[in-house]
Each structure stands twice: as structure tokens, then as C-alpha cells.
């Protein structure tokens, strides 16, 4: 019988995360854990960005929910911590691709083409007022 793979151990660890405890402590523990793993993840995914810049972007992601541990319902905080831990576990186990990791690496303000993509506003067919002459001629109307 062979030993279980690392990925199986990581998945089990994710599922058995403790739910009780102070929400603020859980958020800080996750934050520290993520920040400590930044250099390793950059190396594993061959991303050539300074760790300080990536850490600043990750800090910004955490601050989006600024004070979340104090102001949110503990159930919501638990869910956010669990999702964050799951994201980190999947990245460490290399279940994610490089593009999944890049959305946390690049600052969308300064490098929007490298960060998360945003869908442009496309008018719906029902909101288009009239057809162009080309379309009318093409459809034979």
C-alpha cells in the first residue's frame, strides 16, 4: 500500500478546520499564513514579481473586508476564512494554474490587463434601437 499523496492530506486538513474561536484571531492567522507562503508560491508558479508588491496586493484583498472579523457575523467570517484557507491550500498543492495565481499578484489599478478581467458593457439585443443599413441589406429586409 502506498502512502497518501500530499494533495489528499491538504484536502483533509481543509475540511477539518476548527470553526470555534475568536474570528479576529482566525483572520490574522490566515493572513500570516498567506503572507509567509508568498515567496514559495511565486517560485512554484514562476512569477517574477517582488514579494513585497504581492504582499501589498494580498493585504489590499484582506482590507476589502476591513474589520470584517469585528463587524461581521461570526458565521460569515468563518466562511470567508474557510474560503481563503481553501484557496491557499489549493495553490500550495498546485491544483491551480498560473493564471489563477496571477489575479492575486497584479494590482488591477496599475496593470489592469494582467489582473482580473472585466467584461465590457455589451448592449443586449432588446436594447438595440435599429439595425444598420448593412444588416438590413444582408438580411434582405
C-alpha atoms as a PDB file:
ATOM      1  CA  UNK A   1       0.000   0.000   0.000  1.00  0.00           C
ATOM      2  CA  UNK A   2       1.401   3.405  -0.954  1.00  0.00           C
ATOM      3  CA  UNK A   3       1.434   6.486   1.226  1.00  0.00           C
ATOM      4  CA  UNK A   4      -1.281   9.091   0.629  1.00  0.00           C
ATOM      5  CA  UNK A   5      -0.345  11.977  -1.599  1.00  0.00           C
ATOM      6  CA  UNK A   6       0.225  15.463  -0.217  1.00  0.00           C
ATOM      7  CA  UNK A   7      -2.880  16.680  -2.009  1.00  0.00           C
ATOM      8  CA  UNK A   8      -5.093  14.255  -0.092  1.00  0.00           C
ATOM      9  CA  UNK A   9      -3.603  15.392   3.221  1.00  0.00           C
ATOM     10  CA  UNK A  10      -4.152  19.047   2.317  1.00  0.00           C
ATOM     11  CA  UNK A  11      -7.774  18.388   1.400  1.00  0.00           C
ATOM     12  CA  UNK A  12      -8.402  16.624   4.704  1.00  0.00           C
ATOM     13  CA  UNK A  13      -6.734  19.499   6.564  1.00  0.00           C
ATOM     14  CA  UNK A  14      -9.045  21.981   4.812  1.00  0.00           C
ATOM     15  CA  UNK A  15     -12.185  20.140   5.764  1.00  0.00           C
ATOM     16  CA  UNK A  16     -11.247  19.771   9.427  1.00  0.00           C
ATOM     17  CA  UNK A  17     -10.538  23.459  10.078  1.00  0.00           C
ATOM     18  CA  UNK A  18     -11.753  24.495  13.509  1.00  0.00           C
ATOM     19  CA  UNK A  19     -14.801  26.717  13.490  1.00  0.00           C
ATOM     20  CA  UNK A  20     -14.720  27.868  17.117  1.00  0.00           C
ATOM     21  CA  UNK A  21     -12.514  30.667  18.340  1.00  0.00           C
ATOM     22  CA  UNK A  22     -12.221  34.402  18.047  1.00  0.00           C
ATOM     23  CA  UNK A  23     -12.944  35.480  14.436  1.00  0.00           C
ATOM     24  CA  UNK A  24     -10.242  38.161  14.547  1.00  0.00           C
ATOM     25  CA  UNK A  25      -7.613  35.590  15.549  1.00  0.00           C
ATOM     26  CA  UNK A  26      -8.670  33.290  12.717  1.00  0.00           C
ATOM     27  CA  UNK A  27      -8.421  36.095  10.159  1.00  0.00           C
ATOM     28  CA  UNK A  28      -4.984  37.115  11.434  1.00  0.00           C
ATOM     29  CA  UNK A  29      -3.780  33.501  11.435  1.00  0.00           C
ATOM     30  CA  UNK A  30      -4.883  33.078   7.816  1.00  0.00           C
ATOM     31  CA  UNK A  31      -3.321  36.432   6.855  1.00  0.00           C
ATOM     32  CA  UNK A  32       0.034  35.461   8.387  1.00  0.00           C
ATOM     33  CA  UNK A  33      -0.093  32.037   6.776  1.00  0.00           C
ATOM     34  CA  UNK A  34      -0.769  33.532   3.340  1.00  0.00           C
ATOM     35  CA  UNK A  35       1.969  36.146   3.699  1.00  0.00           C
ATOM     36  CA  UNK A  36       4.530  33.531   4.767  1.00  0.00           C
ATOM     37  CA  UNK A  37       3.783  31.435   1.679  1.00  0.00           C
ATOM     38  CA  UNK A  38       4.103  34.261  -0.874  1.00  0.00           C
ATOM     39  CA  UNK A  39       7.787  33.617  -1.801  1.00  0.00           C
ATOM     40  CA  UNK A  40       7.165  29.872  -2.152  1.00  0.00           C
ATOM     41  CA  UNK A  41       4.142  30.399  -4.402  1.00  0.00           C
ATOM     42  CA  UNK A  42       5.990  32.908  -6.583  1.00  0.00           C
ATOM     43  CA  UNK A  43       8.779  30.400  -7.060  1.00  0.00           C
ATOM     44  CA  UNK A  44       6.466  27.431  -7.715  1.00  0.00           C
ATOM     45  CA  UNK A  45       4.410  29.287 -10.306  1.00  0.00           C
ATOM     46  CA  UNK A  46       7.455  31.018 -11.893  1.00  0.00           C
ATOM     47  CA  UNK A  47       6.137  34.516 -11.320  1.00  0.00           C
ATOM     48  CA  UNK A  48       8.793  37.203 -11.394  1.00  0.00           C
ATOM     49  CA  UNK A  49       7.352  39.882  -9.157  1.00  0.00           C
ATOM     50  CA  UNK A  50       8.837  41.231  -5.937  1.00  0.00           C
ATOM     51  CA  UNK A  51       7.279  39.537  -2.898  1.00  0.00           C
ATOM     52  CA  UNK A  52       6.725  42.932  -1.243  1.00  0.00           C
ATOM     53  CA  UNK A  53       4.429  44.056  -4.085  1.00  0.00           C
ATOM     54  CA  UNK A  54       2.485  40.797  -3.982  1.00  0.00           C
ATOM     55  CA  UNK A  55       2.150  41.029  -0.214  1.00  0.00           C
ATOM     56  CA  UNK A  56       0.768  44.559  -0.594  1.00  0.00           C
ATOM     57  CA  UNK A  57      -1.853  43.308  -3.067  1.00  0.00           C
ATOM     58  CA  UNK A  58      -2.829  40.484  -0.732  1.00  0.00           C
ATOM     59  CA  UNK A  59      -3.087  42.954   2.138  1.00  0.00           C
ATOM     60  CA  UNK A  60      -5.416  45.046  -0.033  1.00  0.00           C
ATOM     61  CA  UNK A  61      -7.588  41.979  -0.642  1.00  0.00           C
ATOM     62  CA  UNK A  62      -7.842  41.376   3.107  1.00  0.00           C
ATOM     63  CA  UNK A  63      -8.585  45.043   3.763  1.00  0.00           C
ATOM     64  CA  UNK A  64     -11.549  44.966   1.366  1.00  0.00           C
ATOM     65  CA  UNK A  65     -13.376  43.367   4.248  1.00  0.00           C
ATOM     66  CA  UNK A  66     -11.553  45.697   6.681  1.00  0.00           C
ATOM     67  CA  UNK A  67     -12.568  44.922  10.199  1.00  0.00           C
ATOM     68  CA  UNK A  68     -14.624  42.012   8.935  1.00  0.00           C
ATOM     69  CA  UNK A  69     -13.718  39.947  11.942  1.00  0.00           C
ATOM     70  CA  UNK A  70     -15.129  42.602  14.262  1.00  0.00           C
ATOM     71  CA  UNK A  71     -18.208  43.751  12.345  1.00  0.00           C
ATOM     72  CA  UNK A  72     -19.463  40.664  10.526  1.00  0.00           C
ATOM     73  CA  UNK A  73     -21.483  37.788  11.800  1.00  0.00           C
ATOM     74  CA  UNK A  74     -19.093  35.037  13.013  1.00  0.00           C
ATOM     75  CA  UNK A  75     -20.648  32.619  10.510  1.00  0.00           C
ATOM     76  CA  UNK A  76     -19.750  34.935   7.611  1.00  0.00           C
ATOM     77  CA  UNK A  77     -16.242  35.413   8.970  1.00  0.00           C
ATOM     78  CA  UNK A  78     -15.857  31.628   9.281  1.00  0.00           C
ATOM     79  CA  UNK A  79     -16.983  31.214   5.685  1.00  0.00           C
ATOM     80  CA  UNK A  80     -14.508  33.835   4.426  1.00  0.00           C
ATOM     81  CA  UNK A  81     -11.646  32.307   6.426  1.00  0.00           C
ATOM     82  CA  UNK A  82     -12.552  28.829   5.191  1.00  0.00           C
ATOM     83  CA  UNK A  83     -12.641  30.009   1.559  1.00  0.00           C
ATOM     84  CA  UNK A  84      -9.314  31.790   1.986  1.00  0.00           C
ATOM     85  CA  UNK A  85      -7.727  28.720   3.542  1.00  0.00           C
ATOM     86  CA  UNK A  86      -9.116  26.567   0.753  1.00  0.00           C
ATOM     87  CA  UNK A  87      -7.681  28.927  -1.903  1.00  0.00           C
ATOM     88  CA  UNK A  88      -4.286  28.786  -0.211  1.00  0.00           C
ATOM     89  CA  UNK A  89      -4.376  25.001   0.176  1.00  0.00           C
ATOM     90  CA  UNK A  90      -5.246  24.554  -3.496  1.00  0.00           C
ATOM     91  CA  UNK A  91      -2.442  26.896  -4.536  1.00  0.00           C
ATOM     92  CA  UNK A  92       0.100  25.116  -2.336  1.00  0.00           C
ATOM     93  CA  UNK A  93      -0.969  21.723  -3.682  1.00  0.00           C
ATOM     94  CA  UNK A  94      -0.632  23.188  -7.205  1.00  0.00           C
ATOM     95  CA  UNK A  95      -4.219  22.439  -8.120  1.00  0.00           C
ATOM     96  CA  UNK A  96      -4.424  25.940  -9.559  1.00  0.00           C
ATOM     97  CA  UNK A  97      -2.858  27.190 -12.747  1.00  0.00           C
ATOM     98  CA  UNK A  98      -0.555  30.167 -13.073  1.00  0.00           C
ATOM     99  CA  UNK A  99      -3.395  32.385 -14.292  1.00  0.00           C
ATOM    100  CA  UNK A 100      -5.404  31.661 -11.134  1.00  0.00           C
ATOM    101  CA  UNK A 101      -2.497  32.896  -9.043  1.00  0.00           C
ATOM    102  CA  UNK A 102      -1.883  35.982 -11.183  1.00  0.00           C
ATOM    103  CA  UNK A 103      -5.196  37.516 -10.127  1.00  0.00           C
ATOM    104  CA  UNK A 104      -3.731  37.938  -6.643  1.00  0.00           C
ATOM    105  CA  UNK A 105      -0.319  39.063  -7.868  1.00  0.00           C
ATOM    106  CA  UNK A 106      -1.003  42.055 -10.062  1.00  0.00           C
ATOM    107  CA  UNK A 107      -2.573  45.286  -8.983  1.00  0.00           C
ATOM    108  CA  UNK A 108      -5.555  45.897 -11.234  1.00  0.00           C
ATOM    109  CA  UNK A 109      -5.165  49.682 -10.890  1.00  0.00           C
ATOM    110  CA  UNK A 110      -1.666  49.832 -12.371  1.00  0.00           C
ATOM    111  CA  UNK A 111      -1.723  46.713 -14.556  1.00  0.00           C
ATOM    112  CA  UNK A 112      -5.387  46.056 -15.399  1.00  0.00           C
ATOM    113  CA  UNK A 113      -4.525  43.900 -18.397  1.00  0.00           C
ATOM    114  CA  UNK A 114      -2.709  41.428 -16.115  1.00  0.00           C
ATOM    115  CA  UNK A 115      -5.187  41.327 -13.265  1.00  0.00           C
ATOM    116  CA  UNK A 116      -8.759  40.223 -13.169  1.00  0.00           C
ATOM    117  CA  UNK A 117     -10.541  40.705 -16.451  1.00  0.00           C
ATOM    118  CA  UNK A 118     -13.706  42.747 -16.518  1.00  0.00           C
ATOM    119  CA  UNK A 119     -16.438  42.209 -19.037  1.00  0.00           C
ATOM    120  CA  UNK A 120     -17.193  45.265 -21.061  1.00  0.00           C
ATOM    121  CA  UNK A 121     -20.710  46.550 -21.188  1.00  0.00           C
ATOM    122  CA  UNK A 122     -22.360  44.922 -24.182  1.00  0.00           C
ATOM    123  CA  UNK A 123     -25.827  46.120 -25.118  1.00  0.00           C
ATOM    124  CA  UNK A 124     -28.488  43.461 -25.125  1.00  0.00           C
ATOM    125  CA  UNK A 125     -30.325  42.684 -28.346  1.00  0.00           C
ATOM    126  CA  UNK A 126     -33.526  44.071 -26.859  1.00  0.00           C
ATOM    127  CA  UNK A 127     -31.894  47.448 -26.191  1.00  0.00           C
ATOM    128  CA  UNK A 128     -30.579  47.936 -29.738  1.00  0.00           C
ATOM    129  CA  UNK A 129     -32.829  50.551 -31.313  1.00  0.00           C
ATOM    130  CA  UNK A 130     -32.456  49.973 -35.041  1.00  0.00           C
ATOM    131  CA  UNK A 131     -30.485  47.818 -37.412  1.00  0.00           C
ATOM    132  CA  UNK A 132     -27.726  49.228 -39.545  1.00  0.00           C
ATOM    133  CA  UNK A 133     -28.125  49.518 -43.318  1.00  0.00           C
ATOM    134  CA  UNK A 134     -25.637  46.706 -43.794  1.00  0.00           C
ATOM    135  CA  UNK A 135     -27.671  44.312 -41.641  1.00  0.00           C
ATOM    136  CA  UNK A 136     -30.900  45.270 -43.438  1.00  0.00           C
ATOM    137  CA  UNK A 137     -29.347  44.629 -46.846  1.00  0.00           C
ATOM    138  CA  UNK A 138     -27.689  41.419 -45.669  1.00  0.00           C
ATOM    139  CA  UNK A 139     -30.942  40.011 -44.288  1.00  0.00           C
ATOM    140  CA  UNK A 140     -32.894  41.220 -47.323  1.00  0.00           C
ATOM    141  CA  UNK A 141     -35.285  43.461 -45.438  1.00  0.00           C
END
